[in-house]
Amino acid sequence: MHAPHKRAARRSTRPVRIAVIAVGLALTAIPVAAYAGSPTHQAAQQPAAAAPKAVAATGLDDPAKKEIAMKLVSSAENSSLDWKSQYKYIEDIDDDRGYTAGIIGFCSGTGDMLDLVELYTERKPGNVLAKYLPALRKVNGTPSHSGLDPNFTKDWVKAASDSAFQQAQNDERDRVYFNPAVKQGKADGIGTLGQFAYYDAIVMHGDGGDSTGFSAIRKRALTKAKPPSQGGNEVTYLNAFLDARVWAMKQEEAHEDTSRVDTAQRVFLKKGNLNLDPPLDWKVYGDSFHIG
């Protein structure tokens, strides 16, 4: 069900907790040319004051649009629109990031799985995953399973039936990936589709400050076009961003299939669907999907 080539599109191996700090620091200066996303643990709900009138009153954080975003990412990450069935997902996809799991592909080797289990344990001490925290701290930044095998995957599946763990996955997804993408998108004056392009990029590449992270992708795009907040054309800017995203994907073998951009996001952009309004038809890795 979870073909490795479909799930190997993962973020940087740089620990995510570092990435979040980098995002927060980059925003303290907020000129529109800032290259990162969001303050930590803060929901990004308000559009930037300088955003042009062309930006919709609501963006990707509108509940209906957010649901579409979850399905779009799941189509690429899990070959399914049923993103809620992925709380229990866990496997090592041999991409040097250890175990990949949950609704957004939390990885034992990139720090975000550790952050997730720490949050879950703060909220529910003594949960079935709490005993793995020392091991998760040791393997962070490596592909190792040391201290996790043989029962971690089974216990992950058990935890996934707990609504508290499901909520923790939702909250970490929003804190680390979704909210920073939406906040930066609104600051750049781009609409729902553009905010989704940012979100999908952060999901895959992280924002750890390396040359293929989200901030670097955005910086590369800014050398080619201005966002609407700087007086640029939204379609022109989004094409530049997607070009930069494709370049970043091709730098790593695990990301070399760029169909989640070419036959999905680019399709919506060519149709001028900047608000990401259904019906939506797209393909990822050759599979066709539809949202009515």
Protein backbone atom coordinates (compact mmCIF):
# COMPACT_ATOMS: atom_id res chain seq x y z
CA MET A 1 0.00 0.00 0.00
CA HIS A 2 2.78 2.39 0.93
CA ALA A 3 5.17 2.04 -1.99
CA PRO A 4 8.61 3.31 -0.94
CA HIS A 5 9.01 5.59 -3.95
CA LYS A 6 5.82 7.33 -2.92
CA ARG A 7 6.83 7.88 0.67
CA ALA A 8 10.50 8.55 0.16
CA ALA A 9 9.71 12.21 -0.36
CA ARG A 10 10.81 13.24 3.10
CA ARG A 11 12.21 16.30 4.71
CA SER A 12 15.78 17.16 5.59
CA THR A 13 17.56 14.98 8.12
CA ARG A 14 18.30 18.11 10.14
CA PRO A 15 16.42 17.78 13.46
CA VAL A 16 13.10 19.54 13.21
CA ARG A 17 13.36 21.28 16.57
CA ILE A 18 16.30 23.25 15.08
CA ALA A 19 14.23 24.02 12.03
CA VAL A 20 11.44 25.46 14.13
CA ILE A 21 13.85 27.73 15.97
CA ALA A 22 15.22 28.91 12.65
CA VAL A 23 11.72 29.67 11.44
CA GLY A 24 10.91 31.66 14.54
CA LEU A 25 14.13 33.67 14.39
CA ALA A 26 13.65 34.50 10.74
CA LEU A 27 10.25 35.94 11.46
CA THR A 28 11.32 38.31 14.18
CA ALA A 29 12.49 40.73 11.54
CA ILE A 30 9.50 40.23 9.26
CA PRO A 31 10.43 42.31 6.25
CA VAL A 32 8.61 40.64 3.45
CA ALA A 33 11.91 39.32 2.22
CA ALA A 34 12.29 37.22 5.39
CA TYR A 35 12.85 33.63 4.41
CA ALA A 36 11.00 31.56 7.00
CA GLY A 37 7.64 30.84 8.43
CA SER A 38 6.16 31.09 11.88
CA PRO A 39 6.61 31.57 15.60
CA THR A 40 6.66 28.26 17.41
CA HIS A 41 3.52 26.87 19.01
CA GLN A 42 1.48 29.79 17.65
CA ALA A 43 -1.46 29.39 15.30
CA ALA A 44 -1.05 31.55 12.22
CA GLN A 45 -4.58 32.71 11.59
CA GLN A 46 -4.42 36.38 10.66
CA PRO A 47 -3.43 37.68 7.22
CA ALA A 48 -0.63 40.21 7.06
CA ALA A 49 -1.85 43.79 7.22
CA ALA A 50 -0.03 44.65 4.02
CA ALA A 51 -1.56 41.80 2.03
CA PRO A 52 -3.27 43.07 -1.13
CA LYS A 53 -7.02 42.89 -1.61
CA ALA A 54 -6.55 40.07 -4.12
CA VAL A 55 -5.91 37.67 -1.24
CA ALA A 56 -9.05 35.89 -0.08
CA ALA A 57 -10.38 36.74 3.37
CA THR A 58 -9.71 33.13 4.30
CA GLY A 59 -6.84 31.00 3.16
CA LEU A 60 -5.63 27.45 3.60
CA ASP A 61 -6.57 27.69 7.28
CA ASP A 62 -10.25 27.79 6.34
CA PRO A 63 -11.51 24.38 7.59
CA ALA A 64 -12.77 23.25 4.19
CA LYS A 65 -9.52 24.28 2.49
CA LYS A 66 -7.43 22.67 5.22
CA GLU A 67 -9.26 19.40 4.65
CA ILE A 68 -8.41 19.64 0.95
CA ALA A 69 -4.76 20.27 1.86
CA MET A 70 -4.67 17.18 4.05
CA LYS A 71 -6.08 15.08 1.22
CA LEU A 72 -3.66 16.50 -1.33
CA VAL A 73 -0.65 15.71 0.84
CA SER A 74 -2.01 12.25 1.65
CA SER A 75 -2.40 11.51 -2.05
CA ALA A 76 1.35 12.03 -2.43
CA GLU A 77 2.49 10.60 0.88
CA ASN A 78 0.11 7.64 1.15
CA SER A 79 -1.55 7.16 -2.27
CA SER A 80 -4.87 7.80 -0.57
CA LEU A 81 -7.20 10.70 0.19
CA ASP A 82 -8.08 9.13 3.54
CA TRP A 83 -5.50 11.01 5.58
CA LYS A 84 -7.14 10.16 8.90
CA SER A 85 -6.38 6.48 8.38
CA GLN A 86 -2.66 7.34 8.50
CA TYR A 87 -2.38 7.97 12.26
CA LYS A 88 -1.33 4.34 12.62
CA TYR A 89 1.04 4.24 9.63
CA ILE A 90 4.67 3.42 10.41
CA GLU A 91 7.55 1.88 8.47
CA ASP A 92 11.20 2.39 7.61
CA ILE A 93 11.27 3.34 3.94
CA ASP A 94 15.08 3.11 3.70
CA ASP A 95 15.63 6.84 3.20
CA ASP A 96 18.11 7.20 6.09
CA ARG A 97 15.51 8.90 8.29
CA GLY A 98 14.65 5.93 10.46
CA TYR A 99 10.98 5.20 10.98
CA THR A 100 8.46 7.31 9.09
CA ALA A 101 5.03 7.44 10.69
CA GLY A 102 1.70 9.15 11.16
CA ILE A 103 -0.34 11.66 9.20
CA ILE A 104 2.59 13.80 8.10
CA GLY A 105 5.46 11.33 8.06
CA PHE A 106 7.04 12.08 11.43
CA CYS A 107 10.55 10.59 11.36
CA SER A 108 12.60 9.10 14.16
CA GLY A 109 15.73 10.46 12.53
CA THR A 110 14.61 14.07 12.03
CA GLY A 111 13.41 15.10 15.48
CA ASP A 112 9.74 15.65 14.77
CA MET A 113 8.76 12.15 15.95
CA LEU A 114 10.58 12.84 19.21
CA ASP A 115 8.75 16.16 19.61
CA LEU A 116 5.45 14.38 18.95
CA VAL A 117 5.98 11.64 21.54
CA GLU A 118 7.18 14.22 24.07
CA LEU A 119 3.98 16.23 23.55
CA TYR A 120 1.84 13.10 23.82
CA THR A 121 3.60 12.15 27.05
CA GLU A 122 3.16 15.63 28.52
CA ARG A 123 -0.56 15.30 27.90
CA LYS A 124 -0.85 11.62 28.83
CA PRO A 125 1.97 10.38 31.07
CA GLY A 126 2.55 6.65 31.02
CA ASN A 127 1.24 6.17 27.49
CA VAL A 128 2.41 3.18 25.49
CA LEU A 129 5.09 5.20 23.65
CA ALA A 130 6.53 7.06 26.66
CA LYS A 131 9.04 4.31 27.39
CA TYR A 132 10.68 4.92 24.01
CA LEU A 133 11.62 8.54 24.70
CA PRO A 134 15.22 7.77 25.75
CA ALA A 135 15.72 5.72 22.58
CA LEU A 136 14.14 8.39 20.39
CA ARG A 137 16.51 10.97 21.83
CA LYS A 138 19.50 8.74 21.08
CA VAL A 139 18.53 7.93 17.49
CA ASN A 140 17.57 11.51 16.60
CA GLY A 141 19.62 12.56 13.59
CA THR A 142 20.35 8.96 12.57
CA PRO A 143 18.53 6.13 10.74
CA SER A 144 19.06 3.78 13.71
CA HIS A 145 16.32 1.70 15.34
CA SER A 146 18.41 1.13 18.44
CA GLY A 147 16.17 0.82 21.49
CA LEU A 148 13.02 0.93 19.37
CA ASP A 149 12.86 -2.58 17.98
CA PRO A 150 11.17 -5.00 18.16
CA ASN A 151 7.92 -3.55 19.56
CA PHE A 152 7.92 0.17 18.71
CA THR A 153 5.91 -0.24 15.52
CA LYS A 154 3.29 -2.36 17.29
CA ASP A 155 3.03 0.17 20.12
CA TRP A 156 2.72 3.02 17.62
CA VAL A 157 -0.30 1.31 16.10
CA LYS A 158 -1.78 0.85 19.59
CA ALA A 159 -1.24 4.52 20.40
CA ALA A 160 -2.88 5.55 17.13
CA SER A 161 -6.26 4.38 18.42
CA ASP A 162 -5.99 6.92 21.25
CA SER A 163 -7.72 10.21 20.46
CA ALA A 164 -5.10 12.02 22.56
CA PHE A 165 -2.34 10.73 20.29
CA GLN A 166 -4.32 11.62 17.20
CA GLN A 167 -4.76 15.16 18.53
CA ALA A 168 -1.05 15.38 19.31
CA GLN A 169 -0.27 14.43 15.70
CA ASN A 170 -2.68 17.11 14.47
CA ASP A 171 -1.18 19.74 16.74
CA GLU A 172 2.45 19.00 15.86
CA ARG A 173 1.59 18.98 12.16
CA ASP A 174 0.06 22.41 12.56
CA ARG A 175 2.80 23.86 14.76
CA VAL A 176 5.77 22.69 12.71
CA TYR A 177 4.42 22.64 9.16
CA PHE A 178 0.93 23.95 8.50
CA ASN A 179 0.85 27.17 10.51
CA PRO A 180 4.30 28.40 9.39
CA ALA A 181 3.37 27.78 5.75
CA VAL A 182 0.07 29.65 6.00
CA LYS A 183 1.58 32.54 7.93
CA GLN A 184 4.41 33.03 5.45
CA GLY A 185 2.04 32.64 2.52
CA LYS A 186 -0.26 35.35 3.85
CA ALA A 187 2.71 37.60 4.56
CA ASP A 188 3.76 37.14 0.92
CA GLY A 189 0.26 38.00 -0.25
CA ILE A 190 -0.42 34.66 -1.92
CA GLY A 191 -3.75 32.86 -1.80
CA THR A 192 -4.85 29.38 -0.86
CA LEU A 193 -3.02 27.51 -3.63
CA GLY A 194 0.22 29.32 -2.88
CA GLN A 195 -0.13 28.63 0.82
CA PHE A 196 -0.59 24.97 -0.03
CA ALA A 197 2.53 25.02 -2.21
CA TYR A 198 4.41 26.36 0.81
CA TYR A 199 2.91 23.72 3.09
CA ASP A 200 3.73 20.82 0.79
CA ALA A 201 7.29 22.11 0.46
CA ILE A 202 7.78 22.31 4.22
CA VAL A 203 6.31 18.83 4.64
CA MET A 204 8.79 17.35 2.19
CA HIS A 205 11.90 19.45 2.74
CA GLY A 206 11.58 20.85 6.25
CA ASP A 207 13.05 24.24 7.02
CA GLY A 208 16.38 23.41 8.60
CA GLY A 209 18.43 26.04 6.83
CA ASP A 210 20.02 23.77 4.25
CA SER A 211 20.10 24.52 0.52
CA THR A 212 16.95 22.52 -0.21
CA GLY A 213 14.86 23.56 2.80
CA PHE A 214 11.72 25.66 2.48
CA SER A 215 13.43 28.97 3.21
CA ALA A 216 16.09 28.27 0.61
CA ILE A 217 13.43 27.35 -1.96
CA ARG A 218 11.55 30.58 -1.24
CA LYS A 219 14.76 32.60 -1.40
CA ARG A 220 15.57 31.07 -4.78
CA ALA A 221 12.10 31.97 -6.05
CA LEU A 222 12.50 35.56 -4.85
CA THR A 223 15.51 35.98 -7.11
CA LYS A 224 13.24 35.30 -10.09
CA ALA A 225 9.96 37.00 -9.17
CA LYS A 226 8.35 39.23 -6.57
CA PRO A 227 5.39 38.03 -4.48
CA PRO A 228 2.18 40.06 -4.50
CA SER A 229 3.15 41.73 -1.21
CA GLN A 230 6.06 43.32 -3.09
CA GLY A 231 3.93 44.28 -6.05
CA GLY A 232 4.52 41.13 -8.06
CA ASN A 233 2.09 38.98 -10.02
CA GLU A 234 0.85 35.99 -8.03
CA VAL A 235 0.89 33.50 -10.91
CA THR A 236 4.37 34.56 -11.99
CA TYR A 237 5.68 34.27 -8.46
CA LEU A 238 4.08 30.87 -7.85
CA ASN A 239 5.59 29.55 -11.07
CA ALA A 240 8.98 30.73 -9.83
CA PHE A 241 8.39 29.05 -6.48
CA LEU A 242 7.38 25.77 -8.09
CA ASP A 243 10.43 25.95 -10.37
CA ALA A 244 12.62 26.38 -7.30
CA ARG A 245 10.80 23.53 -5.56
CA VAL A 246 11.39 21.17 -8.49
CA TRP A 247 15.09 22.12 -8.47
CA ALA A 248 15.28 21.27 -4.77
CA MET A 249 13.51 17.95 -5.25
CA LYS A 250 15.97 16.91 -7.93
CA GLN A 251 18.89 17.40 -5.59
CA GLU A 252 17.98 14.22 -3.73
CA GLU A 253 17.31 10.86 -5.33
CA ALA A 254 14.42 10.16 -2.96
CA HIS A 255 12.63 13.25 -4.29
CA GLU A 256 13.41 12.84 -7.97
CA ASP A 257 9.80 12.17 -8.98
CA THR A 258 8.36 15.68 -9.18
CA SER A 259 4.80 14.73 -10.13
CA ARG A 260 3.33 16.16 -6.92
CA VAL A 261 4.30 19.51 -8.45
CA ASP A 262 4.09 18.81 -12.17
CA THR A 263 0.76 16.97 -12.35
CA ALA A 264 -0.88 18.44 -9.25
CA GLN A 265 0.05 21.94 -8.06
CA ARG A 266 1.11 23.12 -11.51
CA VAL A 267 -2.18 21.85 -12.95
CA PHE A 268 -4.18 23.97 -10.51
CA LEU A 269 -1.99 26.98 -11.21
CA LYS A 270 -2.34 26.69 -14.98
CA LYS A 271 -6.11 26.66 -14.53
CA GLY A 272 -5.89 29.84 -12.49
CA ASN A 273 -7.39 28.10 -9.46
CA LEU A 274 -5.59 30.28 -6.92
CA ASN A 275 -8.25 29.61 -4.28
CA LEU A 276 -7.93 25.84 -4.63
CA ASP A 277 -11.65 25.50 -5.26
CA PRO A 278 -13.10 22.08 -6.06
CA PRO A 279 -13.65 20.18 -8.21
CA LEU A 280 -9.99 19.23 -8.31
CA ASP A 281 -8.41 16.59 -10.49
CA TRP A 282 -4.73 15.68 -10.32
CA LYS A 283 -2.22 12.86 -10.55
CA VAL A 284 0.63 11.83 -8.28
CA TYR A 285 3.08 9.09 -9.22
CA GLY A 286 0.70 8.09 -12.00
CA ASP A 287 -2.35 7.68 -9.74
CA SER A 288 -5.40 9.84 -10.47
CA PHE A 289 -7.34 11.61 -7.72
CA HIS A 290 -10.50 13.72 -7.57
CA ILE A 291 -12.12 16.00 -5.02
CA GLY A 292 -15.64 17.03 -6.02
